[in-house]
Amino acid sequence: MTDDAEGDSAAGEGKPADAVRQQADTHEPARGRSEVRLAATVGAVALVVVAGLASWTSFGAWRCHQAEQAQDLFLRAARQSAHDMTTISHTEVESDVQRILDLSTGKFYDEFAQRRLPFIDHIKHEQSTSQGTVTGAGLVSAGDNSAQALVAVAVKLSKAGNPEQKLDGFRLRIDLQRVGTEAKVSDVEYVQ
């Protein structure tokens, strides 16, 4: 019986070892699955964070590009307007005045439109011709839809019977407003 008892005890010992091994085998896949879930969750969170950062960076770059384009639009309009307002010929004064009106809006447009006929008469009577040259320009402030520029201009002026004169350089403070895809002058002020 001792042999049988030993055999039974050996068999009894084998059963718990098999049971422990089977339990361990059933826990291994569960532990493996939870590790995979954790890795997938961490990966998904990391992907969302990276995508969010990439989107934020892209949006920031886009806004910066938009701001640069708006500033460039306003600065070009300020330079062109200063040139056009100081380049007027008595032989083409009507088209010169119309060009100024086409680049204008708001208060400046209204005031210049009201004064255009006396202005045209004066230029024709004096037989004057002026040629403006923009010597410098910069934006004082700029937003999405408006800006203020400071433009330095030198002007050569000639009148019938008088030699050509070069006026000292002067500065114009030009307020600009976005109108559709263009920037137009809304106010002009002479700056000393």
N, C-alpha and C. Protein backbone atom coordinates (compact mmCIF):
# COMPACT_ATOMS: atom_id res chain seq x y z
N MET A 1 0.78 -1.17 0.00
CA MET A 1 0.00 0.00 0.00
C MET A 1 0.84 1.26 0.00
N THR A 2 1.95 1.07 0.47
CA THR A 2 2.80 2.23 0.48
C THR A 2 3.13 2.65 -0.93
N ASP A 3 3.25 1.62 -1.80
CA ASP A 3 3.51 2.01 -3.19
C ASP A 3 2.31 2.72 -3.78
N ASP A 4 1.12 2.20 -3.44
CA ASP A 4 -0.09 2.83 -3.96
C ASP A 4 -0.27 4.21 -3.33
N ALA A 5 0.05 4.28 -2.05
CA ALA A 5 -0.12 5.55 -1.38
C ALA A 5 0.84 6.56 -1.96
N GLU A 6 2.06 6.06 -2.22
CA GLU A 6 3.01 6.98 -2.83
C GLU A 6 2.57 7.36 -4.22
N GLY A 7 2.03 6.38 -4.94
CA GLY A 7 1.53 6.66 -6.28
C GLY A 7 0.36 7.62 -6.24
N ASP A 8 -0.54 7.41 -5.24
CA ASP A 8 -1.66 8.32 -5.11
C ASP A 8 -1.20 9.71 -4.72
N SER A 9 -0.24 9.72 -3.78
CA SER A 9 0.22 11.04 -3.36
C SER A 9 0.96 11.71 -4.51
N ALA A 10 1.66 10.93 -5.30
CA ALA A 10 2.35 11.52 -6.46
C ALA A 10 1.31 11.98 -7.47
N ALA A 11 0.27 11.19 -7.62
CA ALA A 11 -0.79 11.59 -8.53
C ALA A 11 -1.53 12.78 -7.97
N GLY A 12 -1.68 12.81 -6.63
CA GLY A 12 -2.36 13.94 -5.99
C GLY A 12 -1.53 15.20 -6.11
N GLU A 13 -0.25 15.02 -6.02
CA GLU A 13 0.62 16.18 -6.17
C GLU A 13 0.60 16.66 -7.61
N GLY A 14 0.46 15.73 -8.53
CA GLY A 14 0.44 16.09 -9.95
C GLY A 14 -0.80 16.89 -10.30
N LYS A 15 -1.89 16.55 -9.69
CA LYS A 15 -3.12 17.27 -10.00
C LYS A 15 -3.03 18.74 -9.60
N PRO A 16 -2.62 19.02 -8.42
CA PRO A 16 -2.53 20.45 -8.09
C PRO A 16 -1.52 21.15 -8.98
N ALA A 17 -0.45 20.56 -9.35
CA ALA A 17 0.54 21.21 -10.22
C ALA A 17 -0.09 21.47 -11.58
N ASP A 18 -0.84 20.49 -12.10
CA ASP A 18 -1.53 20.70 -13.37
C ASP A 18 -2.56 21.80 -13.25
N ALA A 19 -3.28 21.80 -12.13
CA ALA A 19 -4.31 22.83 -11.91
C ALA A 19 -3.66 24.20 -11.83
N VAL A 20 -2.50 24.28 -11.14
CA VAL A 20 -1.80 25.56 -11.04
C VAL A 20 -1.33 25.98 -12.41
N ARG A 21 -0.80 25.05 -13.20
CA ARG A 21 -0.34 25.36 -14.54
C ARG A 21 -1.50 25.81 -15.42
N GLN A 22 -2.65 25.14 -15.30
CA GLN A 22 -3.81 25.52 -16.09
C GLN A 22 -4.30 26.90 -15.68
N GLN A 23 -4.29 27.20 -14.37
CA GLN A 23 -4.71 28.52 -13.92
C GLN A 23 -3.73 29.58 -14.44
N ALA A 24 -2.45 29.28 -14.38
CA ALA A 24 -1.45 30.23 -14.88
C ALA A 24 -1.66 30.45 -16.37
N ASP A 25 -1.97 29.38 -17.11
CA ASP A 25 -2.20 29.50 -18.55
C ASP A 25 -3.42 30.37 -18.83
N THR A 26 -4.44 30.28 -18.01
CA THR A 26 -5.63 31.09 -18.24
C THR A 26 -5.39 32.54 -17.87
N HIS A 27 -4.49 32.85 -16.94
CA HIS A 27 -4.19 34.23 -16.56
C HIS A 27 -3.23 34.89 -17.55
N GLU A 28 -2.36 34.14 -18.16
CA GLU A 28 -1.40 34.69 -19.12
C GLU A 28 -2.11 35.40 -20.28
N PRO A 29 -3.09 34.77 -20.97
CA PRO A 29 -3.77 35.49 -22.05
C PRO A 29 -4.51 36.71 -21.54
N ALA A 30 -5.10 36.65 -20.36
CA ALA A 30 -5.82 37.81 -19.82
C ALA A 30 -4.84 38.94 -19.55
N ARG A 31 -3.67 38.62 -18.96
CA ARG A 31 -2.67 39.64 -18.69
C ARG A 31 -2.14 40.19 -20.02
N GLY A 32 -1.94 39.36 -21.01
CA GLY A 32 -1.47 39.78 -22.33
C GLY A 32 -2.47 40.71 -23.00
N ARG A 33 -3.76 40.36 -22.87
CA ARG A 33 -4.80 41.20 -23.46
C ARG A 33 -4.85 42.56 -22.78
N SER A 34 -4.71 42.64 -21.48
CA SER A 34 -4.76 43.93 -20.78
C SER A 34 -3.54 44.76 -21.14
N GLU A 35 -2.38 44.14 -21.34
CA GLU A 35 -1.19 44.88 -21.76
C GLU A 35 -1.37 45.44 -23.17
N VAL A 36 -1.99 44.66 -24.03
CA VAL A 36 -2.25 45.13 -25.39
C VAL A 36 -3.23 46.30 -25.36
N ARG A 37 -4.28 46.18 -24.54
CA ARG A 37 -5.24 47.28 -24.40
C ARG A 37 -4.57 48.53 -23.88
N LEU A 38 -3.73 48.39 -22.88
CA LEU A 38 -3.01 49.54 -22.31
C LEU A 38 -2.11 50.17 -23.37
N ALA A 39 -1.38 49.36 -24.11
CA ALA A 39 -0.50 49.88 -25.16
C ALA A 39 -1.32 50.58 -26.25
N ALA A 40 -2.46 50.01 -26.61
CA ALA A 40 -3.32 50.62 -27.63
C ALA A 40 -3.89 51.95 -27.12
N THR A 41 -4.28 52.00 -25.86
CA THR A 41 -4.81 53.23 -25.28
C THR A 41 -3.73 54.31 -25.24
N VAL A 42 -2.54 53.95 -24.77
CA VAL A 42 -1.43 54.90 -24.72
C VAL A 42 -1.09 55.38 -26.13
N GLY A 43 -1.07 54.47 -27.07
CA GLY A 43 -0.80 54.84 -28.47
C GLY A 43 -1.86 55.78 -29.02
N ALA A 44 -3.13 55.50 -28.73
CA ALA A 44 -4.22 56.36 -29.22
C ALA A 44 -4.14 57.74 -28.60
N VAL A 45 -3.85 57.81 -27.30
CA VAL A 45 -3.71 59.10 -26.63
C VAL A 45 -2.54 59.87 -27.23
N ALA A 46 -1.43 59.20 -27.44
CA ALA A 46 -0.25 59.85 -28.03
C ALA A 46 -0.57 60.36 -29.43
N LEU A 47 -1.31 59.57 -30.20
CA LEU A 47 -1.69 59.98 -31.56
C LEU A 47 -2.58 61.21 -31.53
N VAL A 48 -3.54 61.25 -30.60
CA VAL A 48 -4.43 62.41 -30.47
C VAL A 48 -3.63 63.65 -30.07
N VAL A 49 -2.70 63.50 -29.14
CA VAL A 49 -1.87 64.64 -28.72
C VAL A 49 -1.02 65.15 -29.88
N VAL A 50 -0.38 64.24 -30.61
CA VAL A 50 0.45 64.64 -31.75
C VAL A 50 -0.42 65.30 -32.83
N ALA A 51 -1.58 64.74 -33.11
CA ALA A 51 -2.47 65.34 -34.11
C ALA A 51 -2.93 66.72 -33.65
N GLY A 52 -3.24 66.86 -32.37
CA GLY A 52 -3.65 68.17 -31.84
C GLY A 52 -2.53 69.19 -31.96
N LEU A 53 -1.33 68.80 -31.61
CA LEU A 53 -0.18 69.71 -31.72
C LEU A 53 0.09 70.08 -33.19
N ALA A 54 -0.01 69.11 -34.06
CA ALA A 54 0.20 69.39 -35.49
C ALA A 54 -0.87 70.34 -36.01
N SER A 55 -2.11 70.13 -35.60
CA SER A 55 -3.19 71.02 -36.03
C SER A 55 -2.99 72.42 -35.49
N TRP A 56 -2.62 72.52 -34.22
CA TRP A 56 -2.40 73.83 -33.60
C TRP A 56 -1.26 74.55 -34.28
N THR A 57 -0.18 73.84 -34.56
CA THR A 57 0.97 74.44 -35.24
C THR A 57 0.60 74.86 -36.66
N SER A 58 -0.14 74.03 -37.36
CA SER A 58 -0.57 74.36 -38.73
C SER A 58 -1.48 75.58 -38.72
N PHE A 59 -2.41 75.63 -37.77
CA PHE A 59 -3.31 76.78 -37.68
C PHE A 59 -2.52 78.05 -37.38
N GLY A 60 -1.56 77.95 -36.48
CA GLY A 60 -0.72 79.11 -36.15
C GLY A 60 0.06 79.59 -37.37
N ALA A 61 0.61 78.66 -38.12
CA ALA A 61 1.35 79.02 -39.34
C ALA A 61 0.41 79.65 -40.36
N TRP A 62 -0.80 79.11 -40.49
CA TRP A 62 -1.77 79.66 -41.43
C TRP A 62 -2.15 81.09 -41.04
N ARG A 63 -2.41 81.31 -39.72
CA ARG A 63 -2.76 82.66 -39.24
C ARG A 63 -1.61 83.63 -39.47
N CYS A 64 -0.39 83.17 -39.26
CA CYS A 64 0.78 84.02 -39.49
C CYS A 64 0.88 84.38 -40.97
N HIS A 65 0.64 83.41 -41.83
CA HIS A 65 0.67 83.65 -43.28
C HIS A 65 -0.43 84.63 -43.67
N GLN A 66 -1.62 84.45 -43.11
CA GLN A 66 -2.73 85.37 -43.40
C GLN A 66 -2.39 86.79 -42.96
N ALA A 67 -1.80 86.92 -41.77
CA ALA A 67 -1.43 88.25 -41.26
C ALA A 67 -0.37 88.89 -42.15
N GLU A 68 0.59 88.10 -42.60
CA GLU A 68 1.63 88.64 -43.50
C GLU A 68 1.02 89.09 -44.82
N GLN A 69 0.09 88.32 -45.34
CA GLN A 69 -0.57 88.71 -46.59
C GLN A 69 -1.38 89.99 -46.41
N ALA A 70 -2.09 90.12 -45.30
CA ALA A 70 -2.87 91.33 -45.03
C ALA A 70 -1.94 92.54 -44.90
N GLN A 71 -0.84 92.38 -44.18
CA GLN A 71 0.10 93.48 -44.02
C GLN A 71 0.70 93.88 -45.37
N ASP A 72 1.03 92.90 -46.19
CA ASP A 72 1.57 93.19 -47.52
C ASP A 72 0.54 93.93 -48.37
N LEU A 73 -0.72 93.50 -48.32
CA LEU A 73 -1.80 94.16 -49.06
C LEU A 73 -1.93 95.61 -48.62
N PHE A 74 -1.96 95.86 -47.32
CA PHE A 74 -2.10 97.22 -46.81
C PHE A 74 -0.90 98.09 -47.17
N LEU A 75 0.29 97.55 -47.06
CA LEU A 75 1.49 98.33 -47.36
C LEU A 75 1.56 98.68 -48.85
N ARG A 76 1.25 97.73 -49.70
CA ARG A 76 1.22 98.01 -51.16
C ARG A 76 0.19 99.09 -51.47
N ALA A 77 -1.00 98.98 -50.86
CA ALA A 77 -2.06 99.97 -51.10
C ALA A 77 -1.65 101.35 -50.61
N ALA A 78 -0.98 101.42 -49.46
CA ALA A 78 -0.53 102.71 -48.93
C ALA A 78 0.50 103.35 -49.85
N ARG A 79 1.45 102.56 -50.32
CA ARG A 79 2.48 103.08 -51.23
C ARG A 79 1.85 103.57 -52.54
N GLN A 80 0.96 102.74 -53.10
CA GLN A 80 0.32 103.10 -54.37
C GLN A 80 -0.54 104.34 -54.22
N SER A 81 -1.28 104.42 -53.14
CA SER A 81 -2.15 105.57 -52.90
C SER A 81 -1.35 106.86 -52.73
N ALA A 82 -0.26 106.79 -51.97
CA ALA A 82 0.59 107.97 -51.78
C ALA A 82 1.17 108.43 -53.12
N HIS A 83 1.58 107.47 -53.92
CA HIS A 83 2.11 107.81 -55.25
C HIS A 83 1.02 108.46 -56.10
N ASP A 84 -0.15 107.85 -56.14
CA ASP A 84 -1.24 108.36 -56.98
C ASP A 84 -1.75 109.73 -56.52
N MET A 85 -1.75 109.97 -55.21
CA MET A 85 -2.24 111.26 -54.71
C MET A 85 -1.24 112.39 -54.98
N THR A 86 0.01 112.03 -55.22
CA THR A 86 1.02 113.06 -55.46
C THR A 86 1.50 113.10 -56.91
N THR A 87 0.94 112.27 -57.77
CA THR A 87 1.29 112.25 -59.18
C THR A 87 0.06 112.64 -59.99
N ILE A 88 0.02 113.94 -60.36
CA ILE A 88 -1.15 114.47 -61.05
C ILE A 88 -0.68 115.42 -62.15
N SER A 89 -1.22 115.22 -63.33
CA SER A 89 -0.86 116.07 -64.47
C SER A 89 -2.07 116.88 -64.92
N HIS A 90 -1.82 118.15 -65.27
CA HIS A 90 -2.93 119.00 -65.72
C HIS A 90 -3.53 118.49 -67.04
N THR A 91 -2.77 117.69 -67.79
CA THR A 91 -3.29 117.17 -69.06
C THR A 91 -4.15 115.92 -68.86
N GLU A 92 -4.02 115.25 -67.71
CA GLU A 92 -4.78 114.02 -67.46
C GLU A 92 -5.45 114.06 -66.08
N VAL A 93 -5.77 115.25 -65.62
CA VAL A 93 -6.24 115.41 -64.25
C VAL A 93 -7.54 114.65 -63.96
N GLU A 94 -8.44 114.56 -64.93
CA GLU A 94 -9.70 113.84 -64.68
C GLU A 94 -9.43 112.36 -64.39
N SER A 95 -8.58 111.75 -65.19
CA SER A 95 -8.28 110.33 -64.96
C SER A 95 -7.45 110.14 -63.69
N ASP A 96 -6.58 111.11 -63.38
CA ASP A 96 -5.80 111.04 -62.14
C ASP A 96 -6.72 111.10 -60.92
N VAL A 97 -7.68 112.01 -60.96
CA VAL A 97 -8.64 112.14 -59.85
C VAL A 97 -9.49 110.88 -59.74
N GLN A 98 -9.92 110.33 -60.87
CA GLN A 98 -10.72 109.10 -60.84
C GLN A 98 -9.92 107.94 -60.25
N ARG A 99 -8.63 107.88 -60.58
CA ARG A 99 -7.76 106.83 -60.03
C ARG A 99 -7.69 106.96 -58.50
N ILE A 100 -7.60 108.18 -58.00
CA ILE A 100 -7.57 108.40 -56.55
C ILE A 100 -8.90 107.96 -55.93
N LEU A 101 -10.00 108.31 -56.57
CA LEU A 101 -11.31 107.89 -56.05
C LEU A 101 -11.47 106.37 -56.07
N ASP A 102 -10.95 105.73 -57.10
CA ASP A 102 -11.04 104.27 -57.19
C ASP A 102 -10.30 103.56 -56.05
N LEU A 103 -9.27 104.22 -55.52
CA LEU A 103 -8.48 103.64 -54.43
C LEU A 103 -8.98 104.07 -53.05
N SER A 104 -10.14 104.76 -53.01
CA SER A 104 -10.63 105.37 -51.77
C SER A 104 -11.95 104.78 -51.32
N THR A 105 -12.23 104.98 -50.04
CA THR A 105 -13.50 104.55 -49.45
C THR A 105 -13.82 105.46 -48.27
N GLY A 106 -15.03 105.36 -47.77
CA GLY A 106 -15.42 106.04 -46.53
C GLY A 106 -15.28 107.55 -46.56
N LYS A 107 -14.80 108.09 -45.46
CA LYS A 107 -14.68 109.52 -45.24
C LYS A 107 -13.81 110.19 -46.32
N PHE A 108 -12.66 109.59 -46.61
CA PHE A 108 -11.77 110.18 -47.59
C PHE A 108 -12.44 110.24 -48.97
N TYR A 109 -13.10 109.17 -49.36
CA TYR A 109 -13.79 109.15 -50.64
C TYR A 109 -14.84 110.27 -50.71
N ASP A 110 -15.65 110.36 -49.67
CA ASP A 110 -16.72 111.37 -49.65
C ASP A 110 -16.16 112.79 -49.76
N GLU A 111 -15.13 113.08 -48.97
CA GLU A 111 -14.56 114.43 -48.98
C GLU A 111 -13.87 114.75 -50.31
N PHE A 112 -13.11 113.79 -50.84
CA PHE A 112 -12.41 114.04 -52.10
C PHE A 112 -13.39 114.15 -53.27
N ALA A 113 -14.43 113.34 -53.25
CA ALA A 113 -15.45 113.41 -54.31
C ALA A 113 -16.12 114.78 -54.32
N GLN A 114 -16.37 115.35 -53.14
CA GLN A 114 -17.00 116.68 -53.06
C GLN A 114 -16.06 117.79 -53.54
N ARG A 115 -14.76 117.62 -53.35
CA ARG A 115 -13.81 118.67 -53.72
C ARG A 115 -13.18 118.45 -55.09
N ARG A 116 -13.54 117.39 -55.77
CA ARG A 116 -12.82 117.05 -57.00
C ARG A 116 -12.95 118.12 -58.10
N LEU A 117 -14.13 118.69 -58.30
CA LEU A 117 -14.28 119.68 -59.38
C LEU A 117 -13.45 120.94 -59.14
N PRO A 118 -13.49 121.54 -57.96
CA PRO A 118 -12.60 122.68 -57.72
C PRO A 118 -11.11 122.28 -57.83
N PHE A 119 -10.78 121.08 -57.39
CA PHE A 119 -9.41 120.59 -57.47
C PHE A 119 -8.98 120.47 -58.94
N ILE A 120 -9.83 119.87 -59.77
CA ILE A 120 -9.53 119.74 -61.20
C ILE A 120 -9.37 121.11 -61.84
N ASP A 121 -10.27 122.03 -61.54
CA ASP A 121 -10.18 123.39 -62.08
C ASP A 121 -8.87 124.07 -61.68
N HIS A 122 -8.46 123.90 -60.43
CA HIS A 122 -7.22 124.51 -59.94
C HIS A 122 -6.00 123.94 -60.67
N ILE A 123 -5.94 122.64 -60.82
CA ILE A 123 -4.81 122.00 -61.51
C ILE A 123 -4.74 122.46 -62.96
N LYS A 124 -5.88 122.54 -63.62
CA LYS A 124 -5.89 122.99 -65.02
C LYS A 124 -5.49 124.46 -65.12
N HIS A 125 -6.00 125.28 -64.24
CA HIS A 125 -5.70 126.72 -64.26
C HIS A 125 -4.20 126.97 -64.03
N GLU A 126 -3.61 126.28 -63.08
CA GLU A 126 -2.19 126.44 -62.77
C GLU A 126 -1.30 125.72 -63.78
N GLN A 127 -1.90 124.85 -64.57
CA GLN A 127 -1.16 123.99 -65.50
C GLN A 127 0.01 123.31 -64.76
N SER A 128 -0.36 122.72 -63.64
CA SER A 128 0.67 122.09 -62.81
C SER A 128 0.73 120.58 -63.06
N THR A 129 1.92 120.09 -62.85
CA THR A 129 2.17 118.65 -62.94
C THR A 129 3.05 118.28 -61.76
N SER A 130 2.65 117.27 -61.05
CA SER A 130 3.45 116.80 -59.91
C SER A 130 3.78 115.32 -60.12
N GLN A 131 4.98 114.97 -59.68
CA GLN A 131 5.44 113.59 -59.77
C GLN A 131 5.91 113.16 -58.39
N GLY A 132 5.15 112.27 -57.78
CA GLY A 132 5.50 111.80 -56.44
C GLY A 132 6.33 110.54 -56.48
N THR A 133 7.26 110.45 -55.56
CA THR A 133 8.09 109.26 -55.41
C THR A 133 8.05 108.84 -53.94
N VAL A 134 7.62 107.62 -53.70
CA VAL A 134 7.58 107.10 -52.34
C VAL A 134 9.00 106.74 -51.93
N THR A 135 9.47 107.35 -50.85
CA THR A 135 10.83 107.10 -50.39
C THR A 135 10.89 106.15 -49.19
N GLY A 136 9.77 105.89 -48.61
CA GLY A 136 9.72 104.96 -47.49
C GLY A 136 8.29 104.74 -47.06
N ALA A 137 8.03 103.58 -46.51
CA ALA A 137 6.67 103.28 -46.04
C ALA A 137 6.73 102.17 -45.00
N GLY A 138 5.83 102.27 -44.05
CA GLY A 138 5.73 101.23 -43.04
C GLY A 138 4.36 101.26 -42.39
N LEU A 139 3.99 100.14 -41.82
CA LEU A 139 2.70 100.06 -41.14
C LEU A 139 2.87 100.47 -39.68
N VAL A 140 2.00 101.35 -39.22
CA VAL A 140 1.97 101.76 -37.82
C VAL A 140 1.19 100.71 -37.04
N SER A 141 0.09 100.26 -37.62
CA SER A 141 -0.73 99.21 -37.01
C SER A 141 -1.45 98.48 -38.13
N ALA A 142 -1.82 97.25 -37.85
CA ALA A 142 -2.53 96.46 -38.86
C ALA A 142 -3.37 95.39 -38.18
N GLY A 143 -4.57 95.21 -38.69
CA GLY A 143 -5.46 94.14 -38.26
C GLY A 143 -5.89 93.36 -39.49
N ASP A 144 -6.91 92.55 -39.34
CA ASP A 144 -7.39 91.78 -40.48
C ASP A 144 -8.07 92.67 -41.52
N ASN A 145 -8.78 93.72 -41.07
CA ASN A 145 -9.60 94.51 -41.98
C ASN A 145 -9.22 95.99 -42.05
N SER A 146 -8.23 96.41 -41.29
CA SER A 146 -7.83 97.82 -41.34
C SER A 146 -6.37 97.95 -40.94
N ALA A 147 -5.79 99.06 -41.35
CA ALA A 147 -4.39 99.34 -41.01
C ALA A 147 -4.15 100.83 -41.08
N GLN A 148 -3.04 101.24 -40.49
CA GLN A 148 -2.60 102.62 -40.61
C GLN A 148 -1.14 102.58 -41.03
N ALA A 149 -0.81 103.36 -42.06
CA ALA A 149 0.55 103.38 -42.60
C ALA A 149 1.10 104.78 -42.54
N LEU A 150 2.40 104.86 -42.47
CA LEU A 150 3.11 106.12 -42.56
C LEU A 150 3.97 106.03 -43.82
N VAL A 151 3.78 107.00 -44.73
CA VAL A 151 4.47 106.95 -46.02
C VAL A 151 5.22 108.26 -46.23
N ALA A 152 6.51 108.15 -46.56
CA ALA A 152 7.33 109.32 -46.87
C ALA A 152 7.34 109.50 -48.39
N VAL A 153 7.15 110.75 -48.83
CA VAL A 153 7.03 111.04 -50.26
C VAL A 153 7.89 112.26 -50.61
N ALA A 154 8.55 112.17 -51.75
CA ALA A 154 9.23 113.33 -52.33
C ALA A 154 8.48 113.69 -53.61
N VAL A 155 8.30 115.00 -53.86
CA VAL A 155 7.49 115.42 -55.00
C VAL A 155 8.25 116.45 -55.84
N LYS A 156 8.21 116.25 -57.16
CA LYS A 156 8.69 117.25 -58.11
C LYS A 156 7.46 117.93 -58.67
N LEU A 157 7.47 119.25 -58.69
CA LEU A 157 6.31 120.02 -59.11
C LEU A 157 6.72 121.02 -60.17
N SER A 158 5.92 121.10 -61.23
CA SER A 158 6.16 122.13 -62.24
C SER A 158 4.84 122.81 -62.58
N LYS A 159 4.92 124.12 -62.85
CA LYS A 159 3.76 124.90 -63.24
C LYS A 159 4.13 125.67 -64.50
N ALA A 160 3.12 126.06 -65.24
CA ALA A 160 3.36 126.81 -66.47
C ALA A 160 4.16 128.07 -66.14
N GLY A 161 5.26 128.28 -66.87
CA GLY A 161 6.07 129.48 -66.70
C GLY A 161 7.02 129.42 -65.53
N ASN A 162 7.00 128.38 -64.72
CA ASN A 162 7.92 128.26 -63.58
C ASN A 162 8.81 127.04 -63.77
N PRO A 163 10.06 127.17 -63.36
CA PRO A 163 10.93 126.00 -63.45
C PRO A 163 10.46 124.91 -62.48
N GLU A 164 10.92 123.72 -62.74
CA GLU A 164 10.54 122.59 -61.89
C GLU A 164 11.06 122.81 -60.47
N GLN A 165 10.23 122.52 -59.52
CA GLN A 165 10.61 122.64 -58.11
C GLN A 165 10.57 121.26 -57.48
N LYS A 166 11.49 121.07 -56.57
CA LYS A 166 11.43 119.83 -55.80
C LYS A 166 10.98 120.20 -54.40
N LEU A 167 9.86 119.66 -54.02
CA LEU A 167 9.34 119.93 -52.68
C LEU A 167 10.09 119.06 -51.68
N ASP A 168 10.28 119.61 -50.50
CA ASP A 168 10.89 118.81 -49.44
C ASP A 168 10.02 117.58 -49.21
N GLY A 169 10.67 116.52 -48.80
CA GLY A 169 9.92 115.31 -48.50
C GLY A 169 8.93 115.55 -47.38
N PHE A 170 7.83 114.87 -47.44
CA PHE A 170 6.84 114.96 -46.38
C PHE A 170 6.26 113.58 -46.13
N ARG A 171 5.51 113.48 -45.05
CA ARG A 171 4.94 112.19 -44.68
C ARG A 171 3.43 112.27 -44.63
N LEU A 172 2.82 111.17 -45.00
CA LEU A 172 1.37 111.03 -44.95
C LEU A 172 1.02 109.87 -44.02
N ARG A 173 0.06 110.09 -43.15
CA ARG A 173 -0.50 109.00 -42.36
C ARG A 173 -1.75 108.58 -43.11
N ILE A 174 -1.77 107.34 -43.55
CA ILE A 174 -2.86 106.84 -44.38
C ILE A 174 -3.59 105.72 -43.65
N ASP A 175 -4.89 105.91 -43.44
CA ASP A 175 -5.74 104.86 -42.87
C ASP A 175 -6.30 104.05 -44.02
N LEU A 176 -6.25 102.75 -43.86
CA LEU A 176 -6.70 101.83 -44.91
C LEU A 176 -7.78 100.91 -44.38
N GLN A 177 -8.68 100.55 -45.26
CA GLN A 177 -9.79 99.66 -44.92
C GLN A 177 -9.87 98.57 -45.98
N ARG A 178 -10.06 97.32 -45.53
CA ARG A 178 -10.24 96.23 -46.50
C ARG A 178 -11.65 96.32 -47.07
N VAL A 179 -11.74 96.30 -48.40
CA VAL A 179 -13.02 96.31 -49.11
C VAL A 179 -12.95 95.14 -50.09
N GLY A 180 -13.62 94.05 -49.74
CA GLY A 180 -13.52 92.84 -50.56
C GLY A 180 -12.10 92.31 -50.50
N THR A 181 -11.47 92.18 -51.66
CA THR A 181 -10.09 91.67 -51.71
C THR A 181 -9.07 92.79 -51.80
N GLU A 182 -9.54 94.04 -51.76
CA GLU A 182 -8.65 95.19 -51.90
C GLU A 182 -8.54 95.95 -50.59
N ALA A 183 -7.49 96.77 -50.51
CA ALA A 183 -7.36 97.71 -49.40
C ALA A 183 -7.50 99.11 -50.00
N LYS A 184 -8.35 99.93 -49.37
CA LYS A 184 -8.60 101.27 -49.89
C LYS A 184 -8.35 102.30 -48.80
N VAL A 185 -8.04 103.51 -49.25
CA VAL A 185 -7.75 104.62 -48.33
C VAL A 185 -9.05 105.13 -47.73
N SER A 186 -9.09 105.23 -46.40
CA SER A 186 -10.26 105.76 -45.73
C SER A 186 -10.00 107.12 -45.10
N ASP A 187 -8.73 107.47 -44.94
CA ASP A 187 -8.39 108.80 -44.42
C ASP A 187 -6.92 109.07 -44.69
N VAL A 188 -6.59 110.36 -44.88
CA VAL A 188 -5.21 110.79 -45.12
C VAL A 188 -4.95 112.01 -44.27
N GLU A 189 -3.79 112.00 -43.64
CA GLU A 189 -3.41 113.14 -42.81
C GLU A 189 -1.95 113.48 -43.08
N TYR A 190 -1.66 114.74 -43.29
CA TYR A 190 -0.30 115.22 -43.47
C TYR A 190 0.37 115.22 -42.11
N VAL A 191 1.58 114.68 -42.03
CA VAL A 191 2.31 114.60 -40.77
C VAL A 191 3.58 115.44 -40.89
N GLN A 192 3.83 116.30 -39.90
CA GLN A 192 5.05 117.13 -39.93
C GLN A 192 6.20 116.43 -39.28
